[in-house]
């Protein structure tokens, strides 16, 4: 009988200790990734600058 009371007391204490608080849960916003630009557009600007510099030098 004493073991049953002790087990019930330990169970009640454990469930109270692991209970959550009344504070709202912190939810982080989802991460949104942008798509990378294509490589042809990235190489077009330097090539255009080289062509302008070459045209200005000649």
PDB file of N, CA and C in Angstrom:
ATOM      1  N   UNK A   1       0.824  -1.193   0.000  1.00  0.00           N
ATOM      2  CA  UNK A   1       0.000   0.000   0.000  1.00  0.00           C
ATOM      3  C   UNK A   1       0.868   1.256   0.000  1.00  0.00           C
ATOM      4  N   UNK A   2       1.962   1.214   0.792  1.00  0.00           N
ATOM      5  CA  UNK A   2       2.833   2.379   0.846  1.00  0.00           C
ATOM      6  C   UNK A   2       3.513   2.604  -0.504  1.00  0.00           C
ATOM      7  N   UNK A   3       3.855   1.509  -1.205  1.00  0.00           N
ATOM      8  CA  UNK A   3       4.496   1.632  -2.512  1.00  0.00           C
ATOM      9  C   UNK A   3       3.537   2.249  -3.528  1.00  0.00           C
ATOM     10  N   UNK A   4       2.276   1.912  -3.422  1.00  0.00           N
ATOM     11  CA  UNK A   4       1.280   2.461  -4.330  1.00  0.00           C
ATOM     12  C   UNK A   4       1.126   3.961  -4.119  1.00  0.00           C
ATOM     13  N   UNK A   5       1.086   4.393  -2.877  1.00  0.00           N
ATOM     14  CA  UNK A   5       0.971   5.817  -2.566  1.00  0.00           C
ATOM     15  C   UNK A   5       2.229   6.556  -3.014  1.00  0.00           C
ATOM     16  N   UNK A   6       3.403   5.950  -2.789  1.00  0.00           N
ATOM     17  CA  UNK A   6       4.657   6.558  -3.196  1.00  0.00           C
ATOM     18  C   UNK A   6       4.734   6.677  -4.727  1.00  0.00           C
ATOM     19  N   UNK A   7       4.298   5.649  -5.429  1.00  0.00           N
ATOM     20  CA  UNK A   7       4.301   5.675  -6.890  1.00  0.00           C
ATOM     21  C   UNK A   7       3.348   6.739  -7.413  1.00  0.00           C
ATOM     22  N   UNK A   8       2.175   6.868  -6.802  1.00  0.00           N
ATOM     23  CA  UNK A   8       1.218   7.883  -7.225  1.00  0.00           C
ATOM     24  C   UNK A   8       1.757   9.283  -6.967  1.00  0.00           C
ATOM     25  N   UNK A   9       2.429   9.482  -5.835  1.00  0.00           N
ATOM     26  CA  UNK A   9       2.995  10.790  -5.511  1.00  0.00           C
ATOM     27  C   UNK A   9       4.119  11.148  -6.489  1.00  0.00           C
ATOM     28  N   UNK A  10       4.979  10.181  -6.814  1.00  0.00           N
ATOM     29  CA  UNK A  10       6.061  10.443  -7.764  1.00  0.00           C
ATOM     30  C   UNK A  10       5.522  10.718  -9.165  1.00  0.00           C
ATOM     31  N   UNK A  11       4.470  10.016  -9.538  1.00  0.00           N
ATOM     32  CA  UNK A  11       3.864  10.248 -10.853  1.00  0.00           C
ATOM     33  C   UNK A  11       3.261  11.639 -10.929  1.00  0.00           C
ATOM     34  N   UNK A  12       2.577  12.051  -9.878  1.00  0.00           N
ATOM     35  CA  UNK A  12       1.973  13.381  -9.853  1.00  0.00           C
ATOM     36  C   UNK A  12       3.045  14.458  -9.867  1.00  0.00           C
ATOM     37  N   UNK A  13       4.128  14.243  -9.139  1.00  0.00           N
ATOM     38  CA  UNK A  13       5.211  15.232  -9.109  1.00  0.00           C
ATOM     39  C   UNK A  13       5.905  15.315 -10.467  1.00  0.00           C
ATOM     40  N   UNK A  14       6.085  14.194 -11.124  1.00  0.00           N
ATOM     41  CA  UNK A  14       6.753  14.186 -12.426  1.00  0.00           C
ATOM     42  C   UNK A  14       5.891  14.856 -13.484  1.00  0.00           C
ATOM     43  N   UNK A  15       4.591  14.633 -13.461  1.00  0.00           N
ATOM     44  CA  UNK A  15       3.730  15.253 -14.467  1.00  0.00           C
ATOM     45  C   UNK A  15       3.615  16.750 -14.244  1.00  0.00           C
ATOM     46  N   UNK A  16       3.672  17.195 -12.992  1.00  0.00           N
ATOM     47  CA  UNK A  16       3.618  18.630 -12.704  1.00  0.00           C
ATOM     48  C   UNK A  16       4.928  19.289 -13.111  1.00  0.00           C
ATOM     49  N   UNK A  17       6.037  18.617 -12.908  1.00  0.00           N
ATOM     50  CA  UNK A  17       7.339  19.191 -13.236  1.00  0.00           C
ATOM     51  C   UNK A  17       7.541  19.316 -14.738  1.00  0.00           C
ATOM     52  N   UNK A  18       6.949  18.433 -15.523  1.00  0.00           N
ATOM     53  CA  UNK A  18       7.163  18.480 -16.965  1.00  0.00           C
ATOM     54  C   UNK A  18       6.081  19.267 -17.699  1.00  0.00           C
ATOM     55  N   UNK A  19       5.145  19.861 -16.977  1.00  0.00           N
ATOM     56  CA  UNK A  19       4.089  20.626 -17.625  1.00  0.00           C
ATOM     57  C   UNK A  19       4.657  21.923 -18.189  1.00  0.00           C
ATOM     58  N   UNK A  20       4.118  22.361 -19.331  1.00  0.00           N
ATOM     59  CA  UNK A  20       4.593  23.584 -19.970  1.00  0.00           C
ATOM     60  C   UNK A  20       4.061  24.827 -19.279  1.00  0.00           C
ATOM     61  N   UNK A  21       4.626  25.955 -19.633  1.00  0.00           N
ATOM     62  CA  UNK A  21       4.189  27.224 -19.046  1.00  0.00           C
ATOM     63  C   UNK A  21       3.001  27.775 -19.829  1.00  0.00           C
ATOM     64  N   UNK A  22       2.426  28.847 -19.334  1.00  0.00           N
ATOM     65  CA  UNK A  22       1.269  29.449 -19.986  1.00  0.00           C
ATOM     66  C   UNK A  22       1.691  30.452 -21.063  1.00  0.00           C
ATOM     67  N   UNK A  23       2.993  30.658 -21.250  1.00  0.00           N
ATOM     68  CA  UNK A  23       3.475  31.609 -22.254  1.00  0.00           C
ATOM     69  C   UNK A  23       3.214  31.070 -23.660  1.00  0.00           C
ATOM     70  N   UNK A  24       3.041  31.990 -24.597  1.00  0.00           N
ATOM     71  CA  UNK A  24       2.825  31.588 -25.983  1.00  0.00           C
ATOM     72  C   UNK A  24       4.090  30.959 -26.550  1.00  0.00           C
ATOM     73  N   UNK A  25       3.909  30.025 -27.432  1.00  0.00           N
ATOM     74  CA  UNK A  25       5.040  29.367 -28.064  1.00  0.00           C
ATOM     75  C   UNK A  25       5.689  30.323 -29.067  1.00  0.00           C
ATOM     76  N   UNK A  26       6.999  30.301 -29.148  1.00  0.00           N
ATOM     77  CA  UNK A  26       7.722  31.154 -30.085  1.00  0.00           C
ATOM     78  C   UNK A  26       7.829  30.413 -31.408  1.00  0.00           C
ATOM     79  N   UNK A  27       7.263  31.017 -32.449  1.00  0.00           N
ATOM     80  CA  UNK A  27       7.279  30.408 -33.773  1.00  0.00           C
ATOM     81  C   UNK A  27       8.099  31.314 -34.685  1.00  0.00           C
ATOM     82  N   UNK A  28       9.148  30.762 -35.279  1.00  0.00           N
ATOM     83  CA  UNK A  28       9.988  31.541 -36.175  1.00  0.00           C
ATOM     84  C   UNK A  28       9.345  31.605 -37.554  1.00  0.00           C
ATOM     85  N   UNK A  29       9.493  32.739 -38.246  1.00  0.00           N
ATOM     86  CA  UNK A  29       8.917  32.837 -39.597  1.00  0.00           C
ATOM     87  C   UNK A  29       9.674  31.931 -40.564  1.00  0.00           C
ATOM     88  N   UNK A  30       8.997  31.435 -41.582  1.00  0.00           N
ATOM     89  CA  UNK A  30       9.678  30.547 -42.542  1.00  0.00           C
ATOM     90  C   UNK A  30      10.716  31.315 -43.357  1.00  0.00           C
ATOM     91  N   UNK A  31      11.771  30.631 -43.747  1.00  0.00           N
ATOM     92  CA  UNK A  31      12.838  31.236 -44.535  1.00  0.00           C
ATOM     93  C   UNK A  31      12.465  31.142 -46.009  1.00  0.00           C
ATOM     94  N   UNK A  32      12.504  32.282 -46.692  1.00  0.00           N
ATOM     95  CA  UNK A  32      12.166  32.321 -48.117  1.00  0.00           C
ATOM     96  C   UNK A  32      13.452  32.561 -48.892  1.00  0.00           C
ATOM     97  N   UNK A  33      13.768  31.648 -49.789  1.00  0.00           N
ATOM     98  CA  UNK A  33      14.978  31.771 -50.597  1.00  0.00           C
ATOM     99  C   UNK A  33      14.609  32.258 -51.985  1.00  0.00           C
ATOM    100  N   UNK A  34      15.397  33.211 -52.470  1.00  0.00           N
ATOM    101  CA  UNK A  34      15.179  33.703 -53.825  1.00  0.00           C
ATOM    102  C   UNK A  34      15.977  32.847 -54.795  1.00  0.00           C
ATOM    103  N   UNK A  35      15.456  32.730 -56.000  1.00  0.00           N
ATOM    104  CA  UNK A  35      16.160  31.973 -57.020  1.00  0.00           C
ATOM    105  C   UNK A  35      17.329  32.796 -57.541  1.00  0.00           C
ATOM    106  N   UNK A  36      18.427  32.140 -57.807  1.00  0.00           N
ATOM    107  CA  UNK A  36      19.604  32.820 -58.331  1.00  0.00           C
ATOM    108  C   UNK A  36      19.359  33.214 -59.781  1.00  0.00           C
ATOM    109  N   UNK A  37      19.971  34.324 -60.178  1.00  0.00           N
ATOM    110  CA  UNK A  37      19.820  34.736 -61.568  1.00  0.00           C
ATOM    111  C   UNK A  37      20.613  33.800 -62.468  1.00  0.00           C
ATOM    112  N   UNK A  38      20.234  33.759 -63.709  1.00  0.00           N
ATOM    113  CA  UNK A  38      20.909  32.842 -64.629  1.00  0.00           C
ATOM    114  C   UNK A  38      22.326  33.324 -64.906  1.00  0.00           C
ATOM    115  N   UNK A  39      23.195  32.416 -65.271  1.00  0.00           N
ATOM    116  CA  UNK A  39      24.594  32.757 -65.499  1.00  0.00           C
ATOM    117  C   UNK A  39      24.775  33.594 -66.772  1.00  0.00           C
ATOM    118  N   UNK A  40      23.868  33.468 -67.733  1.00  0.00           N
ATOM    119  CA  UNK A  40      24.008  34.244 -68.965  1.00  0.00           C
ATOM    120  C   UNK A  40      23.785  35.734 -68.693  1.00  0.00           C
ATOM    121  N   UNK A  41      22.887  36.069 -67.789  1.00  0.00           N
ATOM    122  CA  UNK A  41      22.663  37.470 -67.447  1.00  0.00           C
ATOM    123  C   UNK A  41      23.821  38.002 -66.615  1.00  0.00           C
ATOM    124  N   UNK A  42      24.436  37.156 -65.820  1.00  0.00           N
ATOM    125  CA  UNK A  42      25.543  37.581 -64.975  1.00  0.00           C
ATOM    126  C   UNK A  42      26.803  37.836 -65.791  1.00  0.00           C
ATOM    127  N   UNK A  43      26.969  37.150 -66.900  1.00  0.00           N
ATOM    128  CA  UNK A  43      28.163  37.340 -67.725  1.00  0.00           C
ATOM    129  C   UNK A  43      27.936  38.406 -68.798  1.00  0.00           C
ATOM    130  N   UNK A  44      26.700  38.761 -69.047  1.00  0.00           N
ATOM    131  CA  UNK A  44      26.390  39.732 -70.087  1.00  0.00           C
ATOM    132  C   UNK A  44      26.903  41.121 -69.735  1.00  0.00           C
ATOM    133  N   UNK A  45      26.774  41.551 -68.499  1.00  0.00           N
ATOM    134  CA  UNK A  45      27.183  42.894 -68.091  1.00  0.00           C
ATOM    135  C   UNK A  45      28.694  43.073 -68.197  1.00  0.00           C
ATOM    136  N   UNK A  46      29.520  42.163 -67.681  1.00  0.00           N
ATOM    137  CA  UNK A  46      30.972  42.349 -67.859  1.00  0.00           C
ATOM    138  C   UNK A  46      31.401  42.337 -69.327  1.00  0.00           C
ATOM    139  N   UNK A  47      30.785  41.477 -70.131  1.00  0.00           N
ATOM    140  CA  UNK A  47      31.131  41.446 -71.553  1.00  0.00           C
ATOM    141  C   UNK A  47      30.749  42.753 -72.241  1.00  0.00           C
ATOM    142  N   UNK A  48      29.623  43.318 -71.849  1.00  0.00           N
ATOM    143  CA  UNK A  48      29.194  44.599 -72.412  1.00  0.00           C
ATOM    144  C   UNK A  48      30.153  45.708 -72.010  1.00  0.00           C
ATOM    145  N   UNK A  49      30.624  45.706 -70.763  1.00  0.00           N
ATOM    146  CA  UNK A  49      31.580  46.700 -70.314  1.00  0.00           C
ATOM    147  C   UNK A  49      32.923  46.584 -71.070  1.00  0.00           C
ATOM    148  N   UNK A  50      33.367  45.344 -71.285  1.00  0.00           N
ATOM    149  CA  UNK A  50      34.606  45.134 -72.052  1.00  0.00           C
ATOM    150  C   UNK A  50      34.440  45.638 -73.477  1.00  0.00           C
ATOM    151  N   UNK A  51      33.291  45.402 -74.076  1.00  0.00           N
ATOM    152  CA  UNK A  51      33.056  45.864 -75.452  1.00  0.00           C
ATOM    153  C   UNK A  51      33.031  47.375 -75.503  1.00  0.00           C
ATOM    154  N   UNK A  52      32.464  48.029 -74.507  1.00  0.00           N
ATOM    155  CA  UNK A  52      32.426  49.503 -74.496  1.00  0.00           C
ATOM    156  C   UNK A  52      33.826  50.079 -74.319  1.00  0.00           C
ATOM    157  N   UNK A  53      34.605  49.466 -73.409  1.00  0.00           N
ATOM    158  CA  UNK A  53      35.979  49.933 -73.193  1.00  0.00           C
ATOM    159  C   UNK A  53      36.819  49.707 -74.436  1.00  0.00           C
ATOM    160  N   UNK A  54      36.645  48.574 -75.114  1.00  0.00           N
ATOM    161  CA  UNK A  54      37.401  48.282 -76.336  1.00  0.00           C
ATOM    162  C   UNK A  54      37.016  49.245 -77.440  1.00  0.00           C
ATOM    163  N   UNK A  55      35.742  49.593 -77.547  1.00  0.00           N
ATOM    164  CA  UNK A  55      35.292  50.524 -78.567  1.00  0.00           C
ATOM    165  C   UNK A  55      35.809  51.933 -78.285  1.00  0.00           C
ATOM    166  N   UNK A  56      35.873  52.305 -76.999  1.00  0.00           N
ATOM    167  CA  UNK A  56      36.355  53.628 -76.643  1.00  0.00           C
ATOM    168  C   UNK A  56      37.871  53.734 -76.835  1.00  0.00           C
ATOM    169  N   UNK A  57      38.591  52.645 -76.677  1.00  0.00           N
ATOM    170  CA  UNK A  57      40.044  52.670 -76.807  1.00  0.00           C
ATOM    171  C   UNK A  57      40.475  52.711 -78.275  1.00  0.00           C
ATOM    172  N   UNK A  58      39.649  52.232 -79.182  1.00  0.00           N
ATOM    173  CA  UNK A  58      40.061  52.194 -80.588  1.00  0.00           C
ATOM    174  C   UNK A  58      39.667  53.436 -81.356  1.00  0.00           C
TER     175      UNK A  58
END
